[in-house]
Each structure stands twice: as structure tokens, then as C-alpha cells.
């Protein structure tokens, strides 16, 4: 996946050892997370070489689950109560589902265009990139809690959340695109374009299907998932209008109201 010279270089230009990982070792898991944050080129080289893919995948899945549960709990705290647990469960499912659907699409699109098919490596790559995005989101959790402490309006919180998640998604996608851009072979460019489209569509649709995450504090009953109405684009544009004081209704409807 990545050109051979890159396999021996870290982001700082030094030699990055690519040794075996002691499977199941907490120290090895923390070492992988540290490498993801400090030396992503070395991590990509390890994935490209097919080394320790199972250990990397396990560690990154756990990272996504824990980091996104923290982010989900922070978002759910805006409403409080059972929504804290609901959001903490759903956000990890969004990222893991995105990885499970995007990686096979990347492999299939690339194989159709002449790229070497490596489903296991592609899955590890996508999960690792999403784990990086999850860690960035976890680092932004204090901003979410600050907005709640400042009693920002619901629509301002929605827009702020969309911005933070969009930045983290772009960071994850950039990491995947960087890895694919280092490949030497046919189908690379088309695979990158196809992945960007699939990544955005799958991630957006899953996040929309499993909403709500951020619920108005005065909402009496919180569903685990809400019935599909409109689209994600409609919701974002509606939140922008509401944040500017432009409302279609005099007030937000309560559950059970028309």
C-alpha cells in the first residue's frame, strides 16, 4: 500500500522501528495509540507491511469505543438522564459501522480499477484513521461541556457539534487519502475519489439514522432513535436558520404534537 522507502521513515524523518506487537499487552496497546498520535507515517508503514494487523485493529476498535463513548456522554449531558447512555452507545456504533461499510467499498472500487485487493489491510487502515478522529473528538469534549456550562442555545450547540465532527472527519479522511496517495499502482486516484464519496455518504447516513445525540433539555421523553424525517442537509440548514433567529414554527414541537 505504501511505498517501500516510507516504511522505514517516521513523520520526523528518523528510522521508525516496525517490530512485532505483543498481542494483548496493555503496554503494546498504549504504544500503538502513542504511535498513532505522534508518528502516523510509521503506523501507516506498519499497516502497509501487513504487520500486527489484528493487534492494531483490536486496539483501534477499543479506542473508538472508549473515545466516542466519552464524546457521546458529553453530548448527552446537554439533555441529561438516559440520553447520556443512549449517545454513549450510539456514537461508537456510527464510527465502527462507517469502517465496516467503507473498507470493503474501498477494496472493491480499487480492485475494479486495477488496485491490489487487501481487505484486511484496508479495514485496519480505515479503523485506524477513524480512531485518530475519535481521539480528536475526545480532545474537544471540554468544549462541548463548556458550551453546556455557558447554556448555549440548542441550535448553537448543534452547529458547534457539526463543525467539530466535520473537522475530525476531515482529519480521518486525510489520513486515509495520504496512505492511498503513497501507493504505487493503478487505480489509486479513482480509489481515493470513490472512498471520499463512500466515506461521506456512509458516515452521514449512519449518524442521521441513529440520531438524536443532542436533545433539547425540555424534551420529556427521549427515544433511542428518532423516525426519519427530512435529510441530514435539511437538519443542518434548519439549525443554521434557527441559530440566526429564523424559525419555521413559533416553537419546537414536543413529542406527540403535530
C-alpha atoms as a PDB file:
ATOM      1  CA  UNK A   1       0.000   0.000   0.000  1.00  0.00           C
ATOM      2  CA  UNK A   2       2.764   2.425   0.921  1.00  0.00           C
ATOM      3  CA  UNK A   3       5.993   2.741  -0.998  1.00  0.00           C
ATOM      4  CA  UNK A   4       8.923   0.829   0.477  1.00  0.00           C
ATOM      5  CA  UNK A   5      11.083   3.852   1.400  1.00  0.00           C
ATOM      6  CA  UNK A   6       8.261   5.220   3.520  1.00  0.00           C
ATOM      7  CA  UNK A   7       8.106   2.010   5.509  1.00  0.00           C
ATOM      8  CA  UNK A   8      11.316   2.902   7.299  1.00  0.00           C
ATOM      9  CA  UNK A   9      10.620   6.570   7.924  1.00  0.00           C
ATOM     10  CA  UNK A  10       8.644   8.241  10.668  1.00  0.00           C
ATOM     11  CA  UNK A  11       6.994  11.617  10.432  1.00  0.00           C
ATOM     12  CA  UNK A  12      10.131  13.204  11.806  1.00  0.00           C
ATOM     13  CA  UNK A  13      12.338  11.677   9.127  1.00  0.00           C
ATOM     14  CA  UNK A  14      14.067   9.244  11.501  1.00  0.00           C
ATOM     15  CA  UNK A  15      14.060   5.484  11.403  1.00  0.00           C
ATOM     16  CA  UNK A  16      10.860   4.098  12.887  1.00  0.00           C
ATOM     17  CA  UNK A  17      11.191   0.534  14.124  1.00  0.00           C
ATOM     18  CA  UNK A  18       8.433  -1.717  12.891  1.00  0.00           C
ATOM     19  CA  UNK A  19       8.642  -4.577  15.318  1.00  0.00           C
ATOM     20  CA  UNK A  20       6.119  -7.150  16.429  1.00  0.00           C
ATOM     21  CA  UNK A  21       3.431  -6.200  18.898  1.00  0.00           C
ATOM     22  CA  UNK A  22       2.903  -8.312  21.977  1.00  0.00           C
ATOM     23  CA  UNK A  23      -0.730  -9.221  21.392  1.00  0.00           C
ATOM     24  CA  UNK A  24      -2.993  -8.369  24.301  1.00  0.00           C
ATOM     25  CA  UNK A  25      -0.346  -6.383  26.161  1.00  0.00           C
ATOM     26  CA  UNK A  26      -1.680  -3.098  27.591  1.00  0.00           C
ATOM     27  CA  UNK A  27       1.749  -1.530  27.074  1.00  0.00           C
ATOM     28  CA  UNK A  28       1.682  -2.528  23.404  1.00  0.00           C
ATOM     29  CA  UNK A  29      -1.819  -1.110  23.003  1.00  0.00           C
ATOM     30  CA  UNK A  30      -0.808   2.208  24.540  1.00  0.00           C
ATOM     31  CA  UNK A  31       2.270   2.147  22.340  1.00  0.00           C
ATOM     32  CA  UNK A  32       0.100   1.831  19.235  1.00  0.00           C
ATOM     33  CA  UNK A  33      -2.071   4.745  20.339  1.00  0.00           C
ATOM     34  CA  UNK A  34       1.038   6.814  21.037  1.00  0.00           C
ATOM     35  CA  UNK A  35       2.397   5.980  17.592  1.00  0.00           C
ATOM     36  CA  UNK A  36      -0.922   6.970  16.019  1.00  0.00           C
ATOM     37  CA  UNK A  37      -0.748  10.370  17.675  1.00  0.00           C
ATOM     38  CA  UNK A  38       2.977  11.041  17.282  1.00  0.00           C
ATOM     39  CA  UNK A  39       4.138   9.162  14.180  1.00  0.00           C
ATOM     40  CA  UNK A  40       1.309   8.348  11.792  1.00  0.00           C
ATOM     41  CA  UNK A  41       3.678   7.634   8.899  1.00  0.00           C
ATOM     42  CA  UNK A  42       5.212   4.798  10.901  1.00  0.00           C
ATOM     43  CA  UNK A  43       1.744   3.489  11.725  1.00  0.00           C
ATOM     44  CA  UNK A  44       0.784   3.576   8.052  1.00  0.00           C
ATOM     45  CA  UNK A  45       4.013   1.782   7.173  1.00  0.00           C
ATOM     46  CA  UNK A  46       3.202  -0.961   9.656  1.00  0.00           C
ATOM     47  CA  UNK A  47      -0.261  -1.402   8.154  1.00  0.00           C
ATOM     48  CA  UNK A  48       1.163  -1.368   4.628  1.00  0.00           C
ATOM     49  CA  UNK A  49       3.623  -4.104   5.542  1.00  0.00           C
ATOM     50  CA  UNK A  50       0.782  -6.213   6.936  1.00  0.00           C
ATOM     51  CA  UNK A  51       2.400  -6.396  10.367  1.00  0.00           C
ATOM     52  CA  UNK A  52       0.295  -6.833  13.518  1.00  0.00           C
ATOM     53  CA  UNK A  53      -2.955  -6.030  11.698  1.00  0.00           C
ATOM     54  CA  UNK A  54      -5.082  -7.972  14.176  1.00  0.00           C
ATOM     55  CA  UNK A  55      -3.469  -6.273  17.183  1.00  0.00           C
ATOM     56  CA  UNK A  56      -3.759  -2.837  15.596  1.00  0.00           C
ATOM     57  CA  UNK A  57      -7.403  -3.419  14.687  1.00  0.00           C
ATOM     58  CA  UNK A  58      -8.308  -4.585  18.208  1.00  0.00           C
ATOM     59  CA  UNK A  59      -6.597  -1.594  19.780  1.00  0.00           C
ATOM     60  CA  UNK A  60      -8.213   0.903  17.419  1.00  0.00           C
ATOM     61  CA  UNK A  61     -11.685  -0.605  17.847  1.00  0.00           C
ATOM     62  CA  UNK A  62     -11.297  -0.270  21.629  1.00  0.00           C
ATOM     63  CA  UNK A  63     -10.023   3.292  21.154  1.00  0.00           C
ATOM     64  CA  UNK A  64     -13.067   4.216  19.077  1.00  0.00           C
ATOM     65  CA  UNK A  65     -15.444   2.607  21.561  1.00  0.00           C
ATOM     66  CA  UNK A  66     -13.982   4.391  24.590  1.00  0.00           C
ATOM     67  CA  UNK A  67     -13.302   7.786  22.982  1.00  0.00           C
ATOM     68  CA  UNK A  68     -16.692   8.029  21.296  1.00  0.00           C
ATOM     69  CA  UNK A  69     -18.498   6.861  24.430  1.00  0.00           C
ATOM     70  CA  UNK A  70     -16.889   9.803  26.240  1.00  0.00           C
ATOM     71  CA  UNK A  71     -17.920  12.203  23.483  1.00  0.00           C
ATOM     72  CA  UNK A  72     -21.426  10.749  23.384  1.00  0.00           C
ATOM     73  CA  UNK A  73     -21.836  11.083  27.139  1.00  0.00           C
ATOM     74  CA  UNK A  74     -20.739  14.723  26.912  1.00  0.00           C
ATOM     75  CA  UNK A  75     -23.299  15.420  24.189  1.00  0.00           C
ATOM     76  CA  UNK A  76     -25.999  13.529  26.052  1.00  0.00           C
ATOM     77  CA  UNK A  77     -25.352  15.572  29.181  1.00  0.00           C
ATOM     78  CA  UNK A  78     -26.939  18.560  27.422  1.00  0.00           C
ATOM     79  CA  UNK A  79     -30.283  16.834  27.989  1.00  0.00           C
ATOM     80  CA  UNK A  80     -29.175  14.615  30.840  1.00  0.00           C
ATOM     81  CA  UNK A  81     -30.756  11.441  32.126  1.00  0.00           C
ATOM     82  CA  UNK A  82     -30.983   8.401  29.894  1.00  0.00           C
ATOM     83  CA  UNK A  83     -29.737  10.381  26.887  1.00  0.00           C
ATOM     84  CA  UNK A  84     -26.211  10.260  28.317  1.00  0.00           C
ATOM     85  CA  UNK A  85     -26.197   6.475  27.981  1.00  0.00           C
ATOM     86  CA  UNK A  86     -28.001   6.477  24.634  1.00  0.00           C
ATOM     87  CA  UNK A  87     -25.498   8.825  22.989  1.00  0.00           C
ATOM     88  CA  UNK A  88     -22.547   6.979  24.558  1.00  0.00           C
ATOM     89  CA  UNK A  89     -23.775   3.765  22.915  1.00  0.00           C
ATOM     90  CA  UNK A  90     -24.707   5.175  19.514  1.00  0.00           C
ATOM     91  CA  UNK A  91     -21.657   7.269  18.622  1.00  0.00           C
ATOM     92  CA  UNK A  92     -19.204   4.314  18.718  1.00  0.00           C
ATOM     93  CA  UNK A  93     -21.657   2.392  16.512  1.00  0.00           C
ATOM     94  CA  UNK A  94     -21.595   5.210  13.949  1.00  0.00           C
ATOM     95  CA  UNK A  95     -17.813   5.113  13.558  1.00  0.00           C
ATOM     96  CA  UNK A  96     -17.489   1.328  13.650  1.00  0.00           C
ATOM     97  CA  UNK A  97     -20.335   0.967  11.166  1.00  0.00           C
ATOM     98  CA  UNK A  98     -18.677   3.517   8.889  1.00  0.00           C
ATOM     99  CA  UNK A  99     -15.457   1.498   8.959  1.00  0.00           C
ATOM    100  CA  UNK A 100     -17.259  -1.802   8.347  1.00  0.00           C
ATOM    101  CA  UNK A 101     -19.014  -0.429   5.249  1.00  0.00           C
ATOM    102  CA  UNK A 102     -16.318   1.881   3.866  1.00  0.00           C
ATOM    103  CA  UNK A 103     -13.384  -0.549   3.913  1.00  0.00           C
ATOM    104  CA  UNK A 104     -14.992  -3.183   1.636  1.00  0.00           C
ATOM    105  CA  UNK A 105     -16.094  -0.392  -0.695  1.00  0.00           C
ATOM    106  CA  UNK A 106     -12.509   0.897  -0.864  1.00  0.00           C
ATOM    107  CA  UNK A 107     -11.206  -2.584  -1.648  1.00  0.00           C
ATOM    108  CA  UNK A 108     -13.891  -3.272  -4.260  1.00  0.00           C
ATOM    109  CA  UNK A 109     -13.509   0.082  -6.043  1.00  0.00           C
ATOM    110  CA  UNK A 110      -9.725  -0.239  -6.089  1.00  0.00           C
ATOM    111  CA  UNK A 111      -9.805  -3.846  -7.324  1.00  0.00           C
ATOM    112  CA  UNK A 112     -12.166  -2.901 -10.152  1.00  0.00           C
ATOM    113  CA  UNK A 113      -9.660  -0.231 -11.224  1.00  0.00           C
ATOM    114  CA  UNK A 114      -6.590  -2.448 -11.012  1.00  0.00           C
ATOM    115  CA  UNK A 115      -5.546  -1.762  -7.426  1.00  0.00           C
ATOM    116  CA  UNK A 116      -4.291  -4.717  -5.411  1.00  0.00           C
ATOM    117  CA  UNK A 117      -7.100  -6.041  -3.195  1.00  0.00           C
ATOM    118  CA  UNK A 118      -6.195  -6.101   0.519  1.00  0.00           C
ATOM    119  CA  UNK A 119      -9.411  -6.109   2.506  1.00  0.00           C
ATOM    120  CA  UNK A 120      -7.793  -6.794   5.889  1.00  0.00           C
ATOM    121  CA  UNK A 121      -5.221  -4.017   5.476  1.00  0.00           C
ATOM    122  CA  UNK A 122      -7.879  -1.624   4.158  1.00  0.00           C
ATOM    123  CA  UNK A 123     -10.124  -2.355   7.140  1.00  0.00           C
ATOM    124  CA  UNK A 124      -7.246  -1.763   9.547  1.00  0.00           C
ATOM    125  CA  UNK A 125      -6.377   1.478   7.753  1.00  0.00           C
ATOM    126  CA  UNK A 126      -9.932   2.836   7.888  1.00  0.00           C
ATOM    127  CA  UNK A 127     -10.416   1.847  11.529  1.00  0.00           C
ATOM    128  CA  UNK A 128      -7.072   3.401  12.477  1.00  0.00           C
ATOM    129  CA  UNK A 129      -7.937   6.653  10.721  1.00  0.00           C
ATOM    130  CA  UNK A 130     -11.325   6.759  12.445  1.00  0.00           C
ATOM    131  CA  UNK A 131      -9.628   6.081  15.776  1.00  0.00           C
ATOM    132  CA  UNK A 132      -7.476   9.143  15.153  1.00  0.00           C
ATOM    133  CA  UNK A 133     -10.620  11.183  14.504  1.00  0.00           C
ATOM    134  CA  UNK A 134     -12.225   9.756  17.650  1.00  0.00           C
ATOM    135  CA  UNK A 135      -9.243  10.859  19.733  1.00  0.00           C
ATOM    136  CA  UNK A 136      -9.501  14.353  18.261  1.00  0.00           C
ATOM    137  CA  UNK A 137     -13.183  14.456  19.190  1.00  0.00           C
ATOM    138  CA  UNK A 138     -12.410  13.247  22.705  1.00  0.00           C
ATOM    139  CA  UNK A 139      -9.900  16.098  22.999  1.00  0.00           C
ATOM    140  CA  UNK A 140     -12.732  18.509  22.098  1.00  0.00           C
ATOM    141  CA  UNK A 141     -15.017  17.176  24.848  1.00  0.00           C
ATOM    142  CA  UNK A 142     -14.148  20.102  27.184  1.00  0.00           C
ATOM    143  CA  UNK A 143     -15.501  22.463  24.515  1.00  0.00           C
ATOM    144  CA  UNK A 144     -18.803  20.573  24.487  1.00  0.00           C
ATOM    145  CA  UNK A 145     -19.008  20.730  28.269  1.00  0.00           C
ATOM    146  CA  UNK A 146     -18.069  24.423  28.178  1.00  0.00           C
ATOM    147  CA  UNK A 147     -20.938  25.119  25.794  1.00  0.00           C
ATOM    148  CA  UNK A 148     -23.294  23.308  28.145  1.00  0.00           C
ATOM    149  CA  UNK A 149     -21.959  25.255  31.147  1.00  0.00           C
ATOM    150  CA  UNK A 150     -22.435  28.520  29.230  1.00  0.00           C
ATOM    151  CA  UNK A 151     -26.016  27.452  28.471  1.00  0.00           C
ATOM    152  CA  UNK A 152     -25.636  27.910  24.740  1.00  0.00           C
ATOM    153  CA  UNK A 153     -28.842  27.580  22.791  1.00  0.00           C
ATOM    154  CA  UNK A 154     -29.759  24.208  21.342  1.00  0.00           C
ATOM    155  CA  UNK A 155     -29.136  25.324  17.760  1.00  0.00           C
ATOM    156  CA  UNK A 156     -25.771  26.889  18.588  1.00  0.00           C
ATOM    157  CA  UNK A 157     -24.755  23.614  20.224  1.00  0.00           C
ATOM    158  CA  UNK A 158     -25.887  21.694  17.143  1.00  0.00           C
ATOM    159  CA  UNK A 159     -23.824  23.894  14.814  1.00  0.00           C
ATOM    160  CA  UNK A 160     -20.782  23.694  17.071  1.00  0.00           C
ATOM    161  CA  UNK A 161     -21.090  19.908  17.202  1.00  0.00           C
ATOM    162  CA  UNK A 162     -21.385  19.666  13.414  1.00  0.00           C
ATOM    163  CA  UNK A 163     -18.240  21.778  12.972  1.00  0.00           C
ATOM    164  CA  UNK A 164     -16.206  19.713  15.435  1.00  0.00           C
ATOM    165  CA  UNK A 165     -17.320  16.407  13.910  1.00  0.00           C
ATOM    166  CA  UNK A 166     -16.675  17.690  10.380  1.00  0.00           C
ATOM    167  CA  UNK A 167     -13.104  18.663  11.297  1.00  0.00           C
ATOM    168  CA  UNK A 168     -12.458  15.275  12.897  1.00  0.00           C
ATOM    169  CA  UNK A 169     -13.943  13.506   9.860  1.00  0.00           C
ATOM    170  CA  UNK A 170     -11.714  15.507   7.522  1.00  0.00           C
ATOM    171  CA  UNK A 171      -8.670  14.595   9.626  1.00  0.00           C
ATOM    172  CA  UNK A 172      -9.563  10.889   9.403  1.00  0.00           C
ATOM    173  CA  UNK A 173     -10.178  11.078   5.674  1.00  0.00           C
ATOM    174  CA  UNK A 174      -6.927  12.980   5.136  1.00  0.00           C
ATOM    175  CA  UNK A 175      -5.009  10.182   6.850  1.00  0.00           C
ATOM    176  CA  UNK A 176      -6.574   7.565   4.552  1.00  0.00           C
ATOM    177  CA  UNK A 177      -6.009   9.683   1.450  1.00  0.00           C
ATOM    178  CA  UNK A 178      -2.379  10.192   2.482  1.00  0.00           C
ATOM    179  CA  UNK A 179      -1.903   6.428   2.780  1.00  0.00           C
ATOM    180  CA  UNK A 180      -3.508   5.758  -0.594  1.00  0.00           C
ATOM    181  CA  UNK A 181      -1.533   8.576  -2.189  1.00  0.00           C
ATOM    182  CA  UNK A 182       1.709   6.812  -1.277  1.00  0.00           C
ATOM    183  CA  UNK A 183       0.764   3.677  -3.178  1.00  0.00           C
ATOM    184  CA  UNK A 184       2.476   2.776  -6.422  1.00  0.00           C
ATOM    185  CA  UNK A 185      -0.028   1.157  -8.729  1.00  0.00           C
ATOM    186  CA  UNK A 186      -3.061   1.616 -10.943  1.00  0.00           C
ATOM    187  CA  UNK A 187      -6.427   2.700  -9.627  1.00  0.00           C
ATOM    188  CA  UNK A 188      -5.007   4.847  -6.851  1.00  0.00           C
ATOM    189  CA  UNK A 189      -6.605   8.154  -7.816  1.00  0.00           C
ATOM    190  CA  UNK A 190     -10.018   6.697  -8.580  1.00  0.00           C
ATOM    191  CA  UNK A 191      -9.943   4.703  -5.348  1.00  0.00           C
ATOM    192  CA  UNK A 192      -9.304   7.925  -3.419  1.00  0.00           C
ATOM    193  CA  UNK A 193     -12.255   9.687  -5.070  1.00  0.00           C
ATOM    194  CA  UNK A 194     -14.516   6.688  -4.536  1.00  0.00           C
ATOM    195  CA  UNK A 195     -13.522   6.388  -0.891  1.00  0.00           C
ATOM    196  CA  UNK A 196     -14.198  10.081  -0.231  1.00  0.00           C
ATOM    197  CA  UNK A 197     -17.707   9.746  -1.643  1.00  0.00           C
ATOM    198  CA  UNK A 198     -18.475   6.489   0.188  1.00  0.00           C
ATOM    199  CA  UNK A 199     -16.940   7.737   3.433  1.00  0.00           C
ATOM    200  CA  UNK A 200     -19.055  10.890   3.448  1.00  0.00           C
ATOM    201  CA  UNK A 201     -22.271   9.146   2.432  1.00  0.00           C
ATOM    202  CA  UNK A 202     -21.941   6.206   4.818  1.00  0.00           C
ATOM    203  CA  UNK A 203     -20.821   8.290   7.795  1.00  0.00           C
ATOM    204  CA  UNK A 204     -23.501  10.899   7.223  1.00  0.00           C
ATOM    205  CA  UNK A 205     -26.292   8.373   6.721  1.00  0.00           C
ATOM    206  CA  UNK A 206     -25.376   6.309   9.784  1.00  0.00           C
ATOM    207  CA  UNK A 207     -25.131   9.373  12.006  1.00  0.00           C
ATOM    208  CA  UNK A 208     -28.509  10.571  10.689  1.00  0.00           C
ATOM    209  CA  UNK A 209     -30.174   7.165  11.139  1.00  0.00           C
ATOM    210  CA  UNK A 210     -29.064   6.813  14.782  1.00  0.00           C
ATOM    211  CA  UNK A 211     -29.959  10.331  15.899  1.00  0.00           C
ATOM    212  CA  UNK A 212     -30.684  12.036  18.296  1.00  0.00           C
ATOM    213  CA  UNK A 213     -27.444  12.711  20.156  1.00  0.00           C
ATOM    214  CA  UNK A 214     -28.009  16.278  21.309  1.00  0.00           C
ATOM    215  CA  UNK A 215     -31.543  16.681  22.718  1.00  0.00           C
ATOM    216  CA  UNK A 216     -33.331  19.801  23.958  1.00  0.00           C
ATOM    217  CA  UNK A 217     -33.268  19.890  27.767  1.00  0.00           C
ATOM    218  CA  UNK A 218     -37.047  20.363  27.972  1.00  0.00           C
ATOM    219  CA  UNK A 219     -37.830  17.262  25.919  1.00  0.00           C
ATOM    220  CA  UNK A 220     -39.805  14.987  28.287  1.00  0.00           C
ATOM    221  CA  UNK A 221     -39.170  11.627  26.601  1.00  0.00           C
ATOM    222  CA  UNK A 222     -36.028  10.692  24.688  1.00  0.00           C
ATOM    223  CA  UNK A 223     -36.200   7.922  22.043  1.00  0.00           C
ATOM    224  CA  UNK A 224     -33.180   5.746  21.370  1.00  0.00           C
ATOM    225  CA  UNK A 225     -33.569   6.575  17.665  1.00  0.00           C
ATOM    226  CA  UNK A 226     -35.918   9.017  16.002  1.00  0.00           C
ATOM    227  CA  UNK A 227     -38.110   8.398  12.979  1.00  0.00           C
ATOM    228  CA  UNK A 228     -36.501   9.510   9.725  1.00  0.00           C
ATOM    229  CA  UNK A 229     -37.794  12.904   8.636  1.00  0.00           C
ATOM    230  CA  UNK A 230     -36.124  15.056   6.027  1.00  0.00           C
ATOM    231  CA  UNK A 231     -32.383  14.675   5.488  1.00  0.00           C
ATOM    232  CA  UNK A 232     -29.133  15.497   7.240  1.00  0.00           C
ATOM    233  CA  UNK A 233     -28.683  18.508   4.948  1.00  0.00           C
ATOM    234  CA  UNK A 234     -32.169  19.771   5.854  1.00  0.00           C
ATOM    235  CA  UNK A 235     -31.361  19.449   9.555  1.00  0.00           C
ATOM    236  CA  UNK A 236     -28.093  21.396   9.250  1.00  0.00           C
ATOM    237  CA  UNK A 237     -29.610  24.190   7.178  1.00  0.00           C
ATOM    238  CA  UNK A 238     -32.545  24.345   9.580  1.00  0.00           C
ATOM    239  CA  UNK A 239     -30.179  24.663  12.531  1.00  0.00           C
ATOM    240  CA  UNK A 240     -28.333  27.489  10.745  1.00  0.00           C
ATOM    241  CA  UNK A 241     -31.612  29.359  10.195  1.00  0.00           C
ATOM    242  CA  UNK A 242     -32.728  28.801  13.789  1.00  0.00           C
ATOM    243  CA  UNK A 243     -29.379  29.980  15.162  1.00  0.00           C
ATOM    244  CA  UNK A 244     -29.939  33.205  13.195  1.00  0.00           C
ATOM    245  CA  UNK A 245     -33.413  33.582  14.698  1.00  0.00           C
ATOM    246  CA  UNK A 246     -35.332  32.450  11.605  1.00  0.00           C
ATOM    247  CA  UNK A 247     -37.933  29.880  12.648  1.00  0.00           C
ATOM    248  CA  UNK A 248     -40.453  27.961  10.597  1.00  0.00           C
ATOM    249  CA  UNK A 249     -42.546  27.317  13.759  1.00  0.00           C
ATOM    250  CA  UNK A 250     -43.166  29.547  16.751  1.00  0.00           C
ATOM    251  CA  UNK A 251     -41.639  26.853  18.955  1.00  0.00           C
ATOM    252  CA  UNK A 252     -40.206  23.367  18.686  1.00  0.00           C
ATOM    253  CA  UNK A 253     -42.887  20.665  18.882  1.00  0.00           C
ATOM    254  CA  UNK A 254     -42.994  18.353  21.850  1.00  0.00           C
ATOM    255  CA  UNK A 255     -43.272  14.577  21.322  1.00  0.00           C
ATOM    256  CA  UNK A 256     -46.806  13.627  20.319  1.00  0.00           C
ATOM    257  CA  UNK A 257     -47.615  17.050  18.877  1.00  0.00           C
ATOM    258  CA  UNK A 258     -48.230  17.668  15.179  1.00  0.00           C
END
